[in-house]
């Protein structure tokens, strides 16, 4: 048991002694890599936002066009119905006037 503990302590000491401290150049490169990764992520996000914004704009324009068509159709129908009712009312008034003048 003492032998195992001594070997483990020796291995720990060897691994600590062989470990290299980080060099300043490594830290600089890590910073550059992080900056590059951040830039790429921002580009991807911007592209995704642009794409979804265009899609939403196109869908909104399509919906507005559809709504305009429905409103136009309903307005024409209402106009025709109003004209028909006015013509009918005018005929009724004319007939009433003729009857009143003949009596």
PDB file of N, CA and C in Angstrom:
ATOM      1  N   UNK A   1       0.811  -1.180   0.000  1.00  0.00           N
ATOM      2  CA  UNK A   1       0.000   0.000   0.000  1.00  0.00           C
ATOM      3  C   UNK A   1       0.865   1.259   0.000  1.00  0.00           C
ATOM      4  N   UNK A   2       1.918   1.254   0.831  1.00  0.00           N
ATOM      5  CA  UNK A   2       2.822   2.402   0.870  1.00  0.00           C
ATOM      6  C   UNK A   2       3.489   2.587  -0.490  1.00  0.00           C
ATOM      7  N   UNK A   3       3.790   1.474  -1.121  1.00  0.00           N
ATOM      8  CA  UNK A   3       4.443   1.536  -2.434  1.00  0.00           C
ATOM      9  C   UNK A   3       3.513   2.199  -3.468  1.00  0.00           C
ATOM     10  N   UNK A   4       2.204   1.862  -3.446  1.00  0.00           N
ATOM     11  CA  UNK A   4       1.231   2.427  -4.380  1.00  0.00           C
ATOM     12  C   UNK A   4       1.095   3.930  -4.163  1.00  0.00           C
ATOM     13  N   UNK A   5       1.045   4.334  -2.918  1.00  0.00           N
ATOM     14  CA  UNK A   5       0.933   5.759  -2.606  1.00  0.00           C
ATOM     15  C   UNK A   5       2.180   6.490  -3.075  1.00  0.00           C
ATOM     16  N   UNK A   6       3.328   5.924  -2.892  1.00  0.00           N
ATOM     17  CA  UNK A   6       4.587   6.548  -3.311  1.00  0.00           C
ATOM     18  C   UNK A   6       4.630   6.681  -4.829  1.00  0.00           C
ATOM     19  N   UNK A   7       4.146   5.671  -5.542  1.00  0.00           N
ATOM     20  CA  UNK A   7       4.134   5.719  -7.021  1.00  0.00           C
ATOM     21  C   UNK A   7       3.169   6.806  -7.496  1.00  0.00           C
ATOM     22  N   UNK A   8       2.006   6.884  -6.874  1.00  0.00           N
ATOM     23  CA  UNK A   8       1.042   7.917  -7.251  1.00  0.00           C
ATOM     24  C   UNK A   8       1.585   9.319  -7.008  1.00  0.00           C
ATOM     25  N   UNK A   9       2.258   9.516  -5.874  1.00  0.00           N
ATOM     26  CA  UNK A   9       2.860  10.829  -5.584  1.00  0.00           C
ATOM     27  C   UNK A   9       3.941  11.141  -6.602  1.00  0.00           C
ATOM     28  N   UNK A  10       4.749  10.144  -6.933  1.00  0.00           N
ATOM     29  CA  UNK A  10       5.807  10.341  -7.922  1.00  0.00           C
ATOM     30  C   UNK A  10       5.229  10.681  -9.296  1.00  0.00           C
ATOM     31  N   UNK A  11       4.181   9.974  -9.708  1.00  0.00           N
ATOM     32  CA  UNK A  11       3.539  10.263 -11.003  1.00  0.00           C
ATOM     33  C   UNK A  11       2.925  11.666 -11.020  1.00  0.00           C
ATOM     34  N   UNK A  12       2.320  12.073  -9.923  1.00  0.00           N
ATOM     35  CA  UNK A  12       1.748  13.417  -9.823  1.00  0.00           C
ATOM     36  C   UNK A  12       2.811  14.479  -9.950  1.00  0.00           C
ATOM     37  N   UNK A  13       3.956  14.255  -9.284  1.00  0.00           N
ATOM     38  CA  UNK A  13       5.049  15.224  -9.333  1.00  0.00           C
ATOM     39  C   UNK A  13       5.620  15.314 -10.738  1.00  0.00           C
ATOM     40  N   UNK A  14       5.743  14.171 -11.409  1.00  0.00           N
ATOM     41  CA  UNK A  14       6.271  14.163 -12.780  1.00  0.00           C
ATOM     42  C   UNK A  14       5.314  14.878 -13.728  1.00  0.00           C
ATOM     43  N   UNK A  15       4.010  14.637 -13.578  1.00  0.00           N
ATOM     44  CA  UNK A  15       3.052  15.291 -14.482  1.00  0.00           C
ATOM     45  C   UNK A  15       3.021  16.801 -14.266  1.00  0.00           C
ATOM     46  N   UNK A  16       3.149  17.241 -13.033  1.00  0.00           N
ATOM     47  CA  UNK A  16       3.180  18.688 -12.750  1.00  0.00           C
ATOM     48  C   UNK A  16       4.447  19.311 -13.325  1.00  0.00           C
ATOM     49  N   UNK A  17       5.554  18.623 -13.184  1.00  0.00           N
ATOM     50  CA  UNK A  17       6.828  19.155 -13.671  1.00  0.00           C
ATOM     51  C   UNK A  17       6.871  19.204 -15.189  1.00  0.00           C
ATOM     52  N   UNK A  18       6.202  18.256 -15.837  1.00  0.00           N
ATOM     53  CA  UNK A  18       6.250  18.226 -17.304  1.00  0.00           C
ATOM     54  C   UNK A  18       5.212  19.144 -17.946  1.00  0.00           C
ATOM     55  N   UNK A  19       4.250  19.640 -17.196  1.00  0.00           N
ATOM     56  CA  UNK A  19       3.225  20.527 -17.753  1.00  0.00           C
ATOM     57  C   UNK A  19       3.854  21.856 -18.150  1.00  0.00           C
ATOM     58  N   UNK A  20       3.469  22.350 -19.308  1.00  0.00           N
ATOM     59  CA  UNK A  20       4.011  23.625 -19.796  1.00  0.00           C
ATOM     60  C   UNK A  20       3.090  24.767 -19.371  1.00  0.00           C
ATOM     61  N   UNK A  21       3.658  25.832 -18.907  1.00  0.00           N
ATOM     62  CA  UNK A  21       2.798  26.987 -18.617  1.00  0.00           C
ATOM     63  C   UNK A  21       2.331  27.596 -19.943  1.00  0.00           C
ATOM     64  N   UNK A  22       1.148  28.172 -19.960  1.00  0.00           N
ATOM     65  CA  UNK A  22       0.657  28.758 -21.215  1.00  0.00           C
ATOM     66  C   UNK A  22       1.551  29.914 -21.657  1.00  0.00           C
ATOM     67  N   UNK A  23       1.844  29.938 -22.935  1.00  0.00           N
ATOM     68  CA  UNK A  23       2.664  31.024 -23.471  1.00  0.00           C
ATOM     69  C   UNK A  23       1.768  32.196 -23.837  1.00  0.00           C
ATOM     70  N   UNK A  24       2.269  33.401 -23.781  1.00  0.00           N
ATOM     71  CA  UNK A  24       1.457  34.571 -24.129  1.00  0.00           C
ATOM     72  C   UNK A  24       0.948  34.502 -25.566  1.00  0.00           C
ATOM     73  N   UNK A  25       1.718  33.890 -26.455  1.00  0.00           N
ATOM     74  CA  UNK A  25       1.289  33.788 -27.847  1.00  0.00           C
ATOM     75  C   UNK A  25       0.031  32.940 -27.961  1.00  0.00           C
ATOM     76  N   UNK A  26      -0.071  31.889 -27.165  1.00  0.00           N
ATOM     77  CA  UNK A  26      -1.258  31.041 -27.185  1.00  0.00           C
ATOM     78  C   UNK A  26      -2.495  31.830 -26.770  1.00  0.00           C
ATOM     79  N   UNK A  27      -2.345  32.660 -25.741  1.00  0.00           N
ATOM     80  CA  UNK A  27      -3.469  33.473 -25.276  1.00  0.00           C
ATOM     81  C   UNK A  27      -3.885  34.469 -26.350  1.00  0.00           C
ATOM     82  N   UNK A  28      -2.926  35.056 -27.042  1.00  0.00           N
ATOM     83  CA  UNK A  28      -3.235  36.009 -28.118  1.00  0.00           C
ATOM     84  C   UNK A  28      -3.985  35.308 -29.238  1.00  0.00           C
ATOM     85  N   UNK A  29      -3.531  34.122 -29.608  1.00  0.00           N
ATOM     86  CA  UNK A  29      -4.201  33.382 -30.675  1.00  0.00           C
ATOM     87  C   UNK A  29      -5.613  32.980 -30.244  1.00  0.00           C
ATOM     88  N   UNK A  30      -5.762  32.618 -28.979  1.00  0.00           N
ATOM     89  CA  UNK A  30      -7.091  32.276 -28.468  1.00  0.00           C
ATOM     90  C   UNK A  30      -8.030  33.469 -28.571  1.00  0.00           C
ATOM     91  N   UNK A  31      -7.525  34.650 -28.272  1.00  0.00           N
ATOM     92  CA  UNK A  31      -8.336  35.866 -28.378  1.00  0.00           C
ATOM     93  C   UNK A  31      -8.738  36.122 -29.824  1.00  0.00           C
ATOM     94  N   UNK A  32      -7.777  35.936 -30.733  1.00  0.00           N
ATOM     95  CA  UNK A  32      -8.076  36.131 -32.155  1.00  0.00           C
ATOM     96  C   UNK A  32      -9.126  35.136 -32.622  1.00  0.00           C
ATOM     97  N   UNK A  33      -8.977  33.886 -32.201  1.00  0.00           N
ATOM     98  CA  UNK A  33      -9.947  32.855 -32.585  1.00  0.00           C
ATOM     99  C   UNK A  33     -11.340  33.183 -32.047  1.00  0.00           C
ATOM    100  N   UNK A  34     -11.378  33.639 -30.804  1.00  0.00           N
ATOM    101  CA  UNK A  34     -12.669  33.995 -30.209  1.00  0.00           C
ATOM    102  C   UNK A  34     -13.311  35.153 -30.973  1.00  0.00           C
ATOM    103  N   UNK A  35     -12.518  36.140 -31.335  1.00  0.00           N
ATOM    104  CA  UNK A  35     -13.035  37.267 -32.110  1.00  0.00           C
ATOM    105  C   UNK A  35     -13.554  36.827 -33.462  1.00  0.00           C
ATOM    106  N   UNK A  36     -12.830  35.937 -34.114  1.00  0.00           N
ATOM    107  CA  UNK A  36     -13.248  35.426 -35.426  1.00  0.00           C
ATOM    108  C   UNK A  36     -14.559  34.635 -35.300  1.00  0.00           C
ATOM    109  N   UNK A  37     -14.645  33.798 -34.273  1.00  0.00           N
ATOM    110  CA  UNK A  37     -15.858  33.014 -34.057  1.00  0.00           C
ATOM    111  C   UNK A  37     -17.053  33.919 -33.794  1.00  0.00           C
ATOM    112  N   UNK A  38     -16.832  34.972 -33.006  1.00  0.00           N
ATOM    113  CA  UNK A  38     -17.904  35.922 -32.716  1.00  0.00           C
ATOM    114  C   UNK A  38     -18.366  36.625 -33.990  1.00  0.00           C
ATOM    115  N   UNK A  39     -17.419  37.002 -34.831  1.00  0.00           N
ATOM    116  CA  UNK A  39     -17.742  37.668 -36.090  1.00  0.00           C
ATOM    117  C   UNK A  39     -18.582  36.752 -36.976  1.00  0.00           C
ATOM    118  N   UNK A  40     -18.185  35.488 -37.072  1.00  0.00           N
ATOM    119  CA  UNK A  40     -18.927  34.534 -37.900  1.00  0.00           C
ATOM    120  C   UNK A  40     -20.340  34.319 -37.357  1.00  0.00           C
ATOM    121  N   UNK A  41     -20.463  34.235 -36.046  1.00  0.00           N
ATOM    122  CA  UNK A  41     -21.781  34.050 -35.438  1.00  0.00           C
ATOM    123  C   UNK A  41     -22.672  35.262 -35.712  1.00  0.00           C
ATOM    124  N   UNK A  42     -22.097  36.457 -35.638  1.00  0.00           N
ATOM    125  CA  UNK A  42     -22.868  37.675 -35.915  1.00  0.00           C
ATOM    126  C   UNK A  42     -23.327  37.708 -37.369  1.00  0.00           C
ATOM    127  N   UNK A  43     -22.459  37.283 -38.290  1.00  0.00           N
ATOM    128  CA  UNK A  43     -22.830  37.242 -39.710  1.00  0.00           C
ATOM    129  C   UNK A  43     -23.989  36.274 -39.936  1.00  0.00           C
ATOM    130  N   UNK A  44     -23.881  35.089 -39.331  1.00  0.00           N
ATOM    131  CA  UNK A  44     -24.947  34.096 -39.497  1.00  0.00           C
ATOM    132  C   UNK A  44     -26.265  34.613 -38.929  1.00  0.00           C
ATOM    133  N   UNK A  45     -26.195  35.252 -37.777  1.00  0.00           N
ATOM    134  CA  UNK A  45     -27.405  35.787 -37.167  1.00  0.00           C
ATOM    135  C   UNK A  45     -28.003  36.880 -38.042  1.00  0.00           C
ATOM    136  N   UNK A  46     -27.158  37.762 -38.555  1.00  0.00           N
ATOM    137  CA  UNK A  46     -27.645  38.832 -39.434  1.00  0.00           C
ATOM    138  C   UNK A  46     -28.293  38.284 -40.683  1.00  0.00           C
ATOM    139  N   UNK A  47     -27.710  37.261 -41.263  1.00  0.00           N
ATOM    140  CA  UNK A  47     -28.276  36.651 -42.465  1.00  0.00           C
ATOM    141  C   UNK A  47     -29.625  36.021 -42.163  1.00  0.00           C
ATOM    142  N   UNK A  48     -29.721  35.333 -41.035  1.00  0.00           N
ATOM    143  CA  UNK A  48     -30.990  34.697 -40.654  1.00  0.00           C
ATOM    144  C   UNK A  48     -32.075  35.741 -40.410  1.00  0.00           C
ATOM    145  N   UNK A  49     -31.711  36.835 -39.747  1.00  0.00           N
ATOM    146  CA  UNK A  49     -32.678  37.902 -39.482  1.00  0.00           C
ATOM    147  C   UNK A  49     -33.132  38.533 -40.798  1.00  0.00           C
ATOM    148  N   UNK A  50     -32.191  38.782 -41.690  1.00  0.00           N
ATOM    149  CA  UNK A  50     -32.525  39.377 -42.987  1.00  0.00           C
ATOM    150  C   UNK A  50     -33.490  38.474 -43.754  1.00  0.00           C
ATOM    151  N   UNK A  51     -33.199  37.195 -43.779  1.00  0.00           N
ATOM    152  CA  UNK A  51     -34.035  36.245 -44.514  1.00  0.00           C
ATOM    153  C   UNK A  51     -35.451  36.196 -43.934  1.00  0.00           C
ATOM    154  N   UNK A  52     -35.556  36.107 -42.616  1.00  0.00           N
ATOM    155  CA  UNK A  52     -36.880  36.023 -42.003  1.00  0.00           C
ATOM    156  C   UNK A  52     -37.648  37.340 -42.135  1.00  0.00           C
ATOM    157  N   UNK A  53     -36.940  38.459 -42.122  1.00  0.00           N
ATOM    158  CA  UNK A  53     -37.602  39.754 -42.297  1.00  0.00           C
ATOM    159  C   UNK A  53     -38.168  39.880 -43.706  1.00  0.00           C
ATOM    160  N   UNK A  54     -37.389  39.465 -44.705  1.00  0.00           N
ATOM    161  CA  UNK A  54     -37.885  39.501 -46.087  1.00  0.00           C
ATOM    162  C   UNK A  54     -39.106  38.605 -46.245  1.00  0.00           C
ATOM    163  N   UNK A  55     -39.035  37.417 -45.653  1.00  0.00           N
ATOM    164  CA  UNK A  55     -40.150  36.476 -45.757  1.00  0.00           C
ATOM    165  C   UNK A  55     -41.401  37.070 -45.122  1.00  0.00           C
ATOM    166  N   UNK A  56     -41.250  37.657 -43.935  1.00  0.00           N
ATOM    167  CA  UNK A  56     -42.392  38.270 -43.250  1.00  0.00           C
ATOM    168  C   UNK A  56     -42.960  39.427 -44.068  1.00  0.00           C
ATOM    169  N   UNK A  57     -42.086  40.226 -44.660  1.00  0.00           N
ATOM    170  CA  UNK A  57     -42.541  41.337 -45.499  1.00  0.00           C
ATOM    171  C   UNK A  57     -43.315  40.856 -46.712  1.00  0.00           C
ATOM    172  N   UNK A  58     -42.816  39.807 -47.350  1.00  0.00           N
ATOM    173  CA  UNK A  58     -43.512  39.259 -48.512  1.00  0.00           C
ATOM    174  C   UNK A  58     -44.867  38.685 -48.127  1.00  0.00           C
ATOM    175  N   UNK A  59     -44.921  37.989 -47.006  1.00  0.00           N
ATOM    176  CA  UNK A  59     -46.192  37.430 -46.556  1.00  0.00           C
ATOM    177  C   UNK A  59     -47.188  38.526 -46.197  1.00  0.00           C
ATOM    178  N   UNK A  60     -46.700  39.597 -45.608  1.00  0.00           N
ATOM    179  CA  UNK A  60     -47.569  40.722 -45.266  1.00  0.00           C
ATOM    180  C   UNK A  60     -48.115  41.384 -46.529  1.00  0.00           C
ATOM    181  N   UNK A  61     -47.253  41.570 -47.515  1.00  0.00           N
ATOM    182  CA  UNK A  61     -47.692  42.171 -48.774  1.00  0.00           C
ATOM    183  C   UNK A  61     -48.731  41.290 -49.454  1.00  0.00           C
ATOM    184  N   UNK A  62     -48.503  39.991 -49.433  1.00  0.00           N
ATOM    185  CA  UNK A  62     -49.453  39.060 -50.054  1.00  0.00           C
ATOM    186  C   UNK A  62     -50.800  39.120 -49.338  1.00  0.00           C
ATOM    187  N   UNK A  63     -50.772  39.133 -48.008  1.00  0.00           N
ATOM    188  CA  UNK A  63     -52.011  39.195 -47.229  1.00  0.00           C
ATOM    189  C   UNK A  63     -52.749  40.512 -47.486  1.00  0.00           C
ATOM    190  N   UNK A  64     -52.007  41.605 -47.599  1.00  0.00           N
ATOM    191  CA  UNK A  64     -52.632  42.899 -47.865  1.00  0.00           C
ATOM    192  C   UNK A  64     -53.287  42.917 -49.243  1.00  0.00           C
ATOM    193  N   UNK A  65     -52.621  42.319 -50.210  1.00  0.00           N
ATOM    194  CA  UNK A  65     -53.171  42.256 -51.562  1.00  0.00           C
ATOM    195  C   UNK A  65     -54.458  41.429 -51.567  1.00  0.00           C
ATOM    196  N   UNK A  66     -54.427  40.297 -50.854  1.00  0.00           N
ATOM    197  CA  UNK A  66     -55.608  39.451 -50.754  1.00  0.00           C
ATOM    198  C   UNK A  66     -56.762  40.195 -50.093  1.00  0.00           C
ATOM    199  N   UNK A  67     -56.449  40.911 -49.014  1.00  0.00           N
ATOM    200  CA  UNK A  67     -57.471  41.668 -48.305  1.00  0.00           C
ATOM    201  C   UNK A  67     -58.042  42.758 -49.205  1.00  0.00           C
ATOM    202  N   UNK A  68     -57.173  43.433 -49.930  1.00  0.00           N
ATOM    203  CA  UNK A  68     -57.629  44.474 -50.850  1.00  0.00           C
ATOM    204  C   UNK A  68     -58.563  43.928 -51.907  1.00  0.00           C
ATOM    205  N   UNK A  69     -58.272  42.741 -52.410  1.00  0.00           N
ATOM    206  CA  UNK A  69     -59.117  42.108 -53.421  1.00  0.00           C
ATOM    207  C   UNK A  69     -60.489  41.780 -52.834  1.00  0.00           C
ATOM    208  N   UNK A  70     -60.514  41.259 -51.625  1.00  0.00           N
ATOM    209  CA  UNK A  70     -61.782  40.926 -50.975  1.00  0.00           C
ATOM    210  C   UNK A  70     -62.601  42.187 -50.719  1.00  0.00           C
ATOM    211  N   UNK A  71     -61.941  43.231 -50.243  1.00  0.00           N
ATOM    212  CA  UNK A  71     -62.641  44.496 -49.977  1.00  0.00           C
ATOM    213  C   UNK A  71     -63.185  45.080 -51.276  1.00  0.00           C
ATOM    214  N   UNK A  72     -62.382  45.043 -52.323  1.00  0.00           N
ATOM    215  CA  UNK A  72     -62.824  45.561 -53.621  1.00  0.00           C
ATOM    216  C   UNK A  72     -64.058  44.803 -54.110  1.00  0.00           C
ATOM    217  N   UNK A  73     -64.016  43.495 -54.009  1.00  0.00           N
ATOM    218  CA  UNK A  73     -65.139  42.669 -54.449  1.00  0.00           C
ATOM    219  C   UNK A  73     -66.396  42.977 -53.641  1.00  0.00           C
ATOM    220  N   UNK A  74     -66.242  43.073 -52.324  1.00  0.00           N
ATOM    221  CA  UNK A  74     -67.386  43.367 -51.459  1.00  0.00           C
ATOM    222  C   UNK A  74     -67.944  44.757 -51.746  1.00  0.00           C
ATOM    223  N   UNK A  75     -67.078  45.704 -52.018  1.00  0.00           N
ATOM    224  CA  UNK A  75     -67.521  47.069 -52.312  1.00  0.00           C
ATOM    225  C   UNK A  75     -68.307  47.104 -53.619  1.00  0.00           C
ATOM    226  N   UNK A  76     -67.808  46.396 -54.640  1.00  0.00           N
ATOM    227  CA  UNK A  76     -68.529  46.345 -55.917  1.00  0.00           C
ATOM    228  C   UNK A  76     -69.902  45.705 -55.732  1.00  0.00           C
ATOM    229  N   UNK A  77     -69.959  44.616 -54.978  1.00  0.00           N
ATOM    230  CA  UNK A  77     -71.219  43.919 -54.743  1.00  0.00           C
ATOM    231  C   UNK A  77     -72.192  44.838 -54.022  1.00  0.00           C
ATOM    232  N   UNK A  78     -71.698  45.528 -52.995  1.00  0.00           N
ATOM    233  CA  UNK A  78     -72.558  46.444 -52.243  1.00  0.00           C
ATOM    234  C   UNK A  78     -73.056  47.573 -53.143  1.00  0.00           C
ATOM    235  N   UNK A  79     -72.177  48.061 -54.013  1.00  0.00           N
ATOM    236  CA  UNK A  79     -72.573  49.115 -54.938  1.00  0.00           C
ATOM    237  C   UNK A  79     -73.659  48.651 -55.897  1.00  0.00           C
ATOM    238  N   UNK A  80     -73.519  47.445 -56.424  1.00  0.00           N
ATOM    239  CA  UNK A  80     -74.528  46.894 -57.341  1.00  0.00           C
ATOM    240  C   UNK A  80     -75.850  46.686 -56.605  1.00  0.00           C
ATOM    241  N   UNK A  81     -75.786  46.168 -55.397  1.00  0.00           N
ATOM    242  CA  UNK A  81     -77.008  45.946 -54.624  1.00  0.00           C
ATOM    243  C   UNK A  81     -77.689  47.265 -54.290  1.00  0.00           C
ATOM    244  N   UNK A  82     -76.909  48.271 -53.980  1.00  0.00           N
ATOM    245  CA  UNK A  82     -77.469  49.593 -53.669  1.00  0.00           C
ATOM    246  C   UNK A  82     -78.129  50.183 -54.911  1.00  0.00           C
ATOM    247  N   UNK A  83     -77.445  50.060 -56.051  1.00  0.00           N
ATOM    248  CA  UNK A  83     -78.011  50.578 -57.294  1.00  0.00           C
ATOM    249  C   UNK A  83     -79.310  49.848 -57.635  1.00  0.00           C
ATOM    250  N   UNK A  84     -79.324  48.550 -57.447  1.00  0.00           N
ATOM    251  CA  UNK A  84     -80.527  47.764 -57.740  1.00  0.00           C
ATOM    252  C   UNK A  84     -81.666  48.176 -56.813  1.00  0.00           C
ATOM    253  N   UNK A  85     -81.363  48.354 -55.522  1.00  0.00           N
ATOM    254  CA  UNK A  85     -82.389  48.774 -54.566  1.00  0.00           C
ATOM    255  C   UNK A  85     -82.893  50.172 -54.895  1.00  0.00           C
ATOM    256  N   UNK A  86     -81.989  51.064 -55.309  1.00  0.00           N
ATOM    257  CA  UNK A  86     -82.405  52.429 -55.659  1.00  0.00           C
ATOM    258  C   UNK A  86     -83.307  52.411 -56.887  1.00  0.00           C
ATOM    259  N   UNK A  87     -82.963  51.573 -57.837  1.00  0.00           N
ATOM    260  CA  UNK A  87     -83.767  51.469 -59.062  1.00  0.00           C
ATOM    261  C   UNK A  87     -85.150  50.917 -58.726  1.00  0.00           C
ATOM    262  N   UNK A  88     -85.183  49.925 -57.859  1.00  0.00           N
ATOM    263  CA  UNK A  88     -86.439  49.324 -57.446  1.00  0.00           C
ATOM    264  C   UNK A  88     -87.296  50.346 -56.707  1.00  0.00           C
ATOM    265  N   UNK A  89     -86.653  51.109 -55.804  1.00  0.00           N
ATOM    266  CA  UNK A  89     -87.364  52.135 -55.044  1.00  0.00           C
ATOM    267  C   UNK A  89     -87.866  53.226 -55.986  1.00  0.00           C
ATOM    268  N   UNK A  90     -87.028  53.589 -56.950  1.00  0.00           N
ATOM    269  CA  UNK A  90     -87.427  54.614 -57.918  1.00  0.00           C
ATOM    270  C   UNK A  90     -88.629  54.157 -58.728  1.00  0.00           C
ATOM    271  N   UNK A  91     -88.654  52.923 -59.120  1.00  0.00           N
ATOM    272  CA  UNK A  91     -89.803  52.387 -59.871  1.00  0.00           C
ATOM    273  C   UNK A  91     -91.039  52.382 -59.003  1.00  0.00           C
ATOM    274  N   UNK A  92     -90.920  52.022 -57.757  1.00  0.00           N
ATOM    275  CA  UNK A  92     -92.061  52.000 -56.850  1.00  0.00           C
ATOM    276  C   UNK A  92     -92.597  53.405 -56.647  1.00  0.00           C
ATOM    277  N   UNK A  93     -91.698  54.371 -56.477  1.00  0.00           N
ATOM    278  CA  UNK A  93     -92.126  55.763 -56.295  1.00  0.00           C
ATOM    279  C   UNK A  93     -92.809  56.265 -57.569  1.00  0.00           C
ATOM    280  N   UNK A  94     -92.255  55.904 -58.703  1.00  0.00           N
ATOM    281  CA  UNK A  94     -92.825  56.340 -59.991  1.00  0.00           C
ATOM    282  C   UNK A  94     -94.220  55.754 -60.169  1.00  0.00           C
ATOM    283  N   UNK A  95     -94.368  54.484 -59.858  1.00  0.00           N
ATOM    284  CA  UNK A  95     -95.694  53.859 -59.970  1.00  0.00           C
ATOM    285  C   UNK A  95     -96.685  54.497 -59.014  1.00  0.00           C
ATOM    286  N   UNK A  96     -96.257  54.802 -57.808  1.00  0.00           N
ATOM    287  CA  UNK A  96     -97.126  55.439 -56.827  1.00  0.00           C
ATOM    288  C   UNK A  96     -97.508  56.836 -57.321  1.00  0.00           C
ATOM    289  N   UNK A  97     -96.575  57.548 -57.893  1.00  0.00           N
ATOM    290  CA  UNK A  97     -96.835  58.891 -58.401  1.00  0.00           C
ATOM    291  C   UNK A  97     -97.830  58.831 -59.564  1.00  0.00           C
ATOM    292  N   UNK A  98     -97.676  57.878 -60.475  1.00  0.00           N
ATOM    293  CA  UNK A  98     -98.614  57.727 -61.591  1.00  0.00           C
ATOM    294  C   UNK A  98    -100.001  57.419 -61.098  1.00  0.00           C
ATOM    295  N   UNK A  99    -100.112  56.551 -60.113  1.00  0.00           N
ATOM    296  CA  UNK A  99    -101.424  56.212 -59.577  1.00  0.00           C
ATOM    297  C   UNK A  99    -102.056  57.427 -58.904  1.00  0.00           C
ATOM    298  N   UNK A 100    -101.237  58.181 -58.223  1.00  0.00           N
ATOM    299  CA  UNK A 100    -101.755  59.347 -57.512  1.00  0.00           C
ATOM    300  C   UNK A 100    -102.210  60.419 -58.486  1.00  0.00           C
ATOM    301  N   UNK A 101    -101.547  60.573 -59.601  1.00  0.00           N
ATOM    302  CA  UNK A 101    -101.920  61.613 -60.567  1.00  0.00           C
ATOM    303  C   UNK A 101    -103.131  61.189 -61.378  1.00  0.00           C
ATOM    304  N   UNK A 102    -103.392  59.907 -61.541  1.00  0.00           N
ATOM    305  CA  UNK A 102    -104.534  59.432 -62.306  1.00  0.00           C
ATOM    306  C   UNK A 102    -105.799  59.444 -61.476  1.00  0.00           C
ATOM    307  N   UNK A 103    -105.699  59.490 -60.245  1.00  0.00           N
ATOM    308  CA  UNK A 103    -106.887  59.455 -59.402  1.00  0.00           C
ATOM    309  C   UNK A 103    -107.435  60.773 -59.199  1.00  0.00           C
TER     310      UNK A 103
END
